Amino acid sequence: MGGTNIYEPLLSIFNQPLFEGLPRNIYLLTDGAVSNTADVVSLISKHNSHARVHTFGIGDGVSTELIKDSATAGLGHYSFINNPIEIERKVIEAL
């Protein structure tokens, strides 16, 4: 647990310039956990005025804290996916 690095890619995305007039929505799909959940959530919260983060937890081993708290901090939605066949449908529904 904790081997996924989500913080650095999110930071890179948040540091990209915004396209004027277009909202930024980030769709985070993960099947694991991170060792720095609080840092990830704090980073998302810091940038929620110009980016919404939606999260998808895939499988039984996913961190529910990471998925729920990141979506809440990012003013987005979250979903848990137990069957990989549901991934496409759930992501399309979120769009």
N, C-alpha and C. Protein backbone atom coordinates (compact mmCIF):
# COMPACT_ATOMS: atom_id res chain seq x y z
N MET A 1 0.84 -1.18 0.00
CA MET A 1 0.00 0.00 0.00
C MET A 1 0.89 1.25 0.00
N GLY A 2 0.40 2.27 -0.67
CA GLY A 2 1.11 3.54 -0.62
C GLY A 2 2.13 3.72 -1.72
N GLY A 3 2.17 2.82 -2.73
CA GLY A 3 3.18 2.90 -3.76
C GLY A 3 2.84 3.83 -4.91
N THR A 4 1.61 4.27 -5.01
CA THR A 4 1.19 5.12 -6.12
C THR A 4 1.58 6.57 -5.84
N ASN A 5 2.17 7.23 -6.83
CA ASN A 5 2.53 8.64 -6.68
C ASN A 5 1.49 9.47 -7.43
N ILE A 6 0.59 10.06 -6.68
CA ILE A 6 -0.45 10.90 -7.28
C ILE A 6 -0.13 12.38 -7.11
N TYR A 7 0.58 12.72 -6.06
CA TYR A 7 0.85 14.12 -5.73
C TYR A 7 1.58 14.85 -6.87
N GLU A 8 2.70 14.30 -7.32
CA GLU A 8 3.51 14.99 -8.34
C GLU A 8 2.76 15.17 -9.66
N PRO A 9 2.08 14.15 -10.18
CA PRO A 9 1.30 14.38 -11.41
C PRO A 9 0.20 15.43 -11.24
N LEU A 10 -0.48 15.41 -10.08
CA LEU A 10 -1.51 16.43 -9.84
C LEU A 10 -0.90 17.82 -9.79
N LEU A 11 0.22 17.96 -9.12
CA LEU A 11 0.91 19.25 -9.04
C LEU A 11 1.28 19.74 -10.43
N SER A 12 1.75 18.84 -11.27
CA SER A 12 2.11 19.20 -12.64
C SER A 12 0.87 19.69 -13.41
N ILE A 13 -0.25 19.01 -13.24
CA ILE A 13 -1.48 19.42 -13.90
C ILE A 13 -1.93 20.79 -13.41
N PHE A 14 -1.91 20.99 -12.09
CA PHE A 14 -2.35 22.27 -11.53
C PHE A 14 -1.44 23.42 -11.96
N ASN A 15 -0.19 23.12 -12.28
CA ASN A 15 0.74 24.16 -12.70
C ASN A 15 0.65 24.50 -14.18
N GLN A 16 -0.15 23.76 -14.93
CA GLN A 16 -0.35 24.05 -16.35
C GLN A 16 -1.28 25.26 -16.49
N PRO A 17 -1.04 26.07 -17.50
CA PRO A 17 -1.93 27.23 -17.69
C PRO A 17 -3.35 26.78 -18.03
N LEU A 18 -4.29 27.56 -17.58
CA LEU A 18 -5.70 27.29 -17.88
C LEU A 18 -6.03 27.81 -19.28
N PHE A 19 -6.98 27.14 -19.93
CA PHE A 19 -7.50 27.65 -21.19
C PHE A 19 -8.67 28.55 -20.85
N GLU A 20 -8.57 29.82 -21.23
CA GLU A 20 -9.57 30.81 -20.88
C GLU A 20 -10.96 30.36 -21.31
N GLY A 21 -11.88 30.45 -20.36
CA GLY A 21 -13.27 30.12 -20.64
C GLY A 21 -13.61 28.64 -20.55
N LEU A 22 -12.61 27.80 -20.32
CA LEU A 22 -12.86 26.36 -20.23
C LEU A 22 -12.59 25.88 -18.80
N PRO A 23 -13.50 25.08 -18.28
CA PRO A 23 -13.28 24.56 -16.93
C PRO A 23 -12.22 23.45 -16.97
N ARG A 24 -11.55 23.25 -15.85
CA ARG A 24 -10.59 22.15 -15.74
C ARG A 24 -11.21 21.09 -14.85
N ASN A 25 -11.40 19.92 -15.41
CA ASN A 25 -11.90 18.77 -14.67
C ASN A 25 -10.86 17.68 -14.74
N ILE A 26 -10.52 17.15 -13.60
CA ILE A 26 -9.54 16.07 -13.51
C ILE A 26 -10.27 14.81 -13.07
N TYR A 27 -10.02 13.72 -13.77
CA TYR A 27 -10.63 12.44 -13.46
C TYR A 27 -9.52 11.50 -13.00
N LEU A 28 -9.53 11.21 -11.72
CA LEU A 28 -8.49 10.40 -11.11
C LEU A 28 -9.00 8.98 -10.89
N LEU A 29 -8.38 8.02 -11.55
CA LEU A 29 -8.72 6.61 -11.40
C LEU A 29 -7.55 5.92 -10.72
N THR A 30 -7.83 5.17 -9.65
CA THR A 30 -6.77 4.46 -8.96
C THR A 30 -7.30 3.17 -8.37
N ASP A 31 -6.41 2.20 -8.26
CA ASP A 31 -6.76 0.93 -7.64
C ASP A 31 -5.99 0.73 -6.34
N GLY A 32 -5.39 1.80 -5.84
CA GLY A 32 -4.54 1.64 -4.67
C GLY A 32 -4.69 2.72 -3.63
N ALA A 33 -3.57 3.02 -3.03
CA ALA A 33 -3.51 4.00 -1.95
C ALA A 33 -2.21 4.78 -2.10
N VAL A 34 -2.10 5.85 -1.36
CA VAL A 34 -0.87 6.63 -1.33
C VAL A 34 -0.43 6.75 0.12
N SER A 35 0.83 7.06 0.31
CA SER A 35 1.34 7.22 1.67
C SER A 35 1.14 8.63 2.20
N ASN A 36 0.70 9.54 1.33
CA ASN A 36 0.55 10.96 1.70
C ASN A 36 -0.85 11.48 1.37
N THR A 37 -1.87 10.76 1.79
CA THR A 37 -3.25 11.14 1.47
C THR A 37 -3.54 12.58 1.89
N ALA A 38 -3.15 12.96 3.08
CA ALA A 38 -3.43 14.32 3.56
C ALA A 38 -2.79 15.37 2.66
N ASP A 39 -1.59 15.12 2.17
CA ASP A 39 -0.92 16.06 1.28
C ASP A 39 -1.64 16.18 -0.07
N VAL A 40 -2.08 15.04 -0.59
CA VAL A 40 -2.82 15.03 -1.85
C VAL A 40 -4.12 15.81 -1.70
N VAL A 41 -4.85 15.55 -0.63
CA VAL A 41 -6.13 16.22 -0.39
C VAL A 41 -5.90 17.72 -0.21
N SER A 42 -4.87 18.09 0.50
CA SER A 42 -4.56 19.51 0.71
C SER A 42 -4.22 20.20 -0.62
N LEU A 43 -3.45 19.53 -1.46
CA LEU A 43 -3.10 20.09 -2.77
C LEU A 43 -4.35 20.31 -3.61
N ILE A 44 -5.23 19.33 -3.62
CA ILE A 44 -6.47 19.45 -4.39
C ILE A 44 -7.32 20.60 -3.86
N SER A 45 -7.43 20.69 -2.56
CA SER A 45 -8.21 21.75 -1.93
C SER A 45 -7.66 23.13 -2.28
N LYS A 46 -6.36 23.24 -2.30
CA LYS A 46 -5.69 24.51 -2.61
C LYS A 46 -6.03 24.99 -4.02
N HIS A 47 -6.32 24.05 -4.92
CA HIS A 47 -6.54 24.40 -6.33
C HIS A 47 -7.99 24.25 -6.77
N ASN A 48 -8.90 24.06 -5.83
CA ASN A 48 -10.29 23.78 -6.22
C ASN A 48 -11.04 25.00 -6.78
N SER A 49 -10.44 26.17 -6.72
CA SER A 49 -11.11 27.34 -7.30
C SER A 49 -11.02 27.34 -8.83
N HIS A 50 -10.09 26.57 -9.38
CA HIS A 50 -9.95 26.53 -10.83
C HIS A 50 -9.86 25.11 -11.41
N ALA A 51 -10.08 24.11 -10.56
CA ALA A 51 -10.07 22.73 -11.06
C ALA A 51 -10.94 21.86 -10.18
N ARG A 52 -11.81 21.08 -10.82
CA ARG A 52 -12.62 20.10 -10.08
C ARG A 52 -11.98 18.74 -10.24
N VAL A 53 -11.97 17.98 -9.17
CA VAL A 53 -11.37 16.65 -9.20
C VAL A 53 -12.46 15.62 -8.90
N HIS A 54 -12.61 14.68 -9.82
CA HIS A 54 -13.54 13.57 -9.68
C HIS A 54 -12.71 12.30 -9.53
N THR A 55 -13.11 11.42 -8.63
CA THR A 55 -12.29 10.25 -8.36
C THR A 55 -13.05 8.95 -8.55
N PHE A 56 -12.31 7.94 -8.92
CA PHE A 56 -12.85 6.60 -9.12
C PHE A 56 -11.93 5.61 -8.44
N GLY A 57 -12.46 4.88 -7.49
CA GLY A 57 -11.70 3.84 -6.81
C GLY A 57 -12.03 2.50 -7.43
N ILE A 58 -11.03 1.81 -7.89
CA ILE A 58 -11.24 0.55 -8.61
C ILE A 58 -10.75 -0.63 -7.77
N GLY A 59 -11.64 -1.57 -7.49
CA GLY A 59 -11.27 -2.79 -6.79
C GLY A 59 -11.40 -2.71 -5.29
N ASP A 60 -11.09 -3.83 -4.67
CA ASP A 60 -11.26 -3.95 -3.22
C ASP A 60 -10.15 -3.28 -2.41
N GLY A 61 -8.96 -3.11 -2.97
CA GLY A 61 -7.84 -2.59 -2.21
C GLY A 61 -7.68 -1.09 -2.25
N VAL A 62 -8.61 -0.39 -2.85
CA VAL A 62 -8.48 1.05 -2.99
C VAL A 62 -8.71 1.76 -1.65
N SER A 63 -8.04 2.86 -1.47
CA SER A 63 -8.20 3.66 -0.26
C SER A 63 -9.48 4.49 -0.34
N THR A 64 -10.46 4.15 0.47
CA THR A 64 -11.71 4.91 0.46
C THR A 64 -11.48 6.34 0.95
N GLU A 65 -10.55 6.51 1.86
CA GLU A 65 -10.22 7.86 2.36
C GLU A 65 -9.69 8.73 1.22
N LEU A 66 -8.78 8.19 0.44
CA LEU A 66 -8.21 8.94 -0.69
C LEU A 66 -9.29 9.32 -1.69
N ILE A 67 -10.13 8.37 -2.05
CA ILE A 67 -11.16 8.60 -3.06
C ILE A 67 -12.19 9.63 -2.58
N LYS A 68 -12.74 9.42 -1.40
CA LYS A 68 -13.78 10.32 -0.89
C LYS A 68 -13.22 11.71 -0.58
N ASP A 69 -12.12 11.77 0.14
CA ASP A 69 -11.59 13.07 0.56
C ASP A 69 -11.06 13.89 -0.62
N SER A 70 -10.47 13.23 -1.61
CA SER A 70 -9.97 13.96 -2.78
C SER A 70 -11.12 14.57 -3.58
N ALA A 71 -12.19 13.80 -3.77
CA ALA A 71 -13.34 14.33 -4.50
C ALA A 71 -14.01 15.46 -3.73
N THR A 72 -14.13 15.31 -2.43
CA THR A 72 -14.72 16.36 -1.61
C THR A 72 -13.88 17.63 -1.68
N ALA A 73 -12.56 17.49 -1.55
CA ALA A 73 -11.66 18.65 -1.62
C ALA A 73 -11.69 19.29 -3.00
N GLY A 74 -11.90 18.48 -4.03
CA GLY A 74 -11.91 18.98 -5.39
C GLY A 74 -13.28 19.38 -5.89
N LEU A 75 -14.26 19.41 -4.97
CA LEU A 75 -15.63 19.79 -5.31
C LEU A 75 -16.19 18.93 -6.46
N GLY A 76 -15.77 17.67 -6.47
CA GLY A 76 -16.20 16.76 -7.51
C GLY A 76 -17.00 15.60 -6.95
N HIS A 77 -17.10 14.58 -7.74
CA HIS A 77 -17.86 13.38 -7.37
C HIS A 77 -16.90 12.21 -7.24
N TYR A 78 -17.32 11.20 -6.50
CA TYR A 78 -16.52 9.99 -6.42
C TYR A 78 -17.39 8.77 -6.66
N SER A 79 -16.73 7.70 -7.08
CA SER A 79 -17.43 6.46 -7.36
C SER A 79 -16.48 5.30 -7.08
N PHE A 80 -17.04 4.22 -6.59
CA PHE A 80 -16.26 3.01 -6.38
C PHE A 80 -16.69 1.98 -7.41
N ILE A 81 -15.71 1.34 -8.00
CA ILE A 81 -15.96 0.38 -9.06
C ILE A 81 -15.36 -0.96 -8.65
N ASN A 82 -16.22 -1.92 -8.42
CA ASN A 82 -15.73 -3.24 -8.02
C ASN A 82 -15.52 -4.16 -9.22
N ASN A 83 -16.29 -3.97 -10.27
CA ASN A 83 -16.19 -4.81 -11.45
C ASN A 83 -15.56 -3.99 -12.57
N PRO A 84 -14.40 -4.40 -13.10
CA PRO A 84 -13.74 -3.62 -14.15
C PRO A 84 -14.63 -3.34 -15.36
N ILE A 85 -15.63 -4.15 -15.59
CA ILE A 85 -16.54 -3.92 -16.72
C ILE A 85 -17.30 -2.60 -16.54
N GLU A 86 -17.45 -2.14 -15.31
CA GLU A 86 -18.19 -0.91 -15.01
C GLU A 86 -17.40 0.37 -15.24
N ILE A 87 -16.09 0.27 -15.45
CA ILE A 87 -15.24 1.46 -15.53
C ILE A 87 -15.73 2.42 -16.61
N GLU A 88 -15.89 1.93 -17.82
CA GLU A 88 -16.29 2.80 -18.92
C GLU A 88 -17.62 3.49 -18.64
N ARG A 89 -18.60 2.73 -18.19
CA ARG A 89 -19.93 3.30 -17.93
C ARG A 89 -19.88 4.37 -16.84
N LYS A 90 -19.17 4.08 -15.76
CA LYS A 90 -19.12 5.03 -14.65
C LYS A 90 -18.37 6.31 -15.02
N VAL A 91 -17.31 6.18 -15.78
CA VAL A 91 -16.56 7.38 -16.20
C VAL A 91 -17.42 8.21 -17.15
N ILE A 92 -18.09 7.57 -18.09
CA ILE A 92 -18.94 8.30 -19.02
C ILE A 92 -20.08 8.99 -18.28
N GLU A 93 -20.65 8.33 -17.29
CA GLU A 93 -21.71 8.96 -16.49
C GLU A 93 -21.18 10.21 -15.79
N ALA A 94 -19.96 10.17 -15.33
CA ALA A 94 -19.38 11.32 -14.64
C ALA A 94 -19.12 12.49 -15.58
N LEU A 95 -18.87 12.18 -16.83
CA LEU A 95 -18.64 13.26 -17.81
C LEU A 95 -19.92 14.02 -18.05
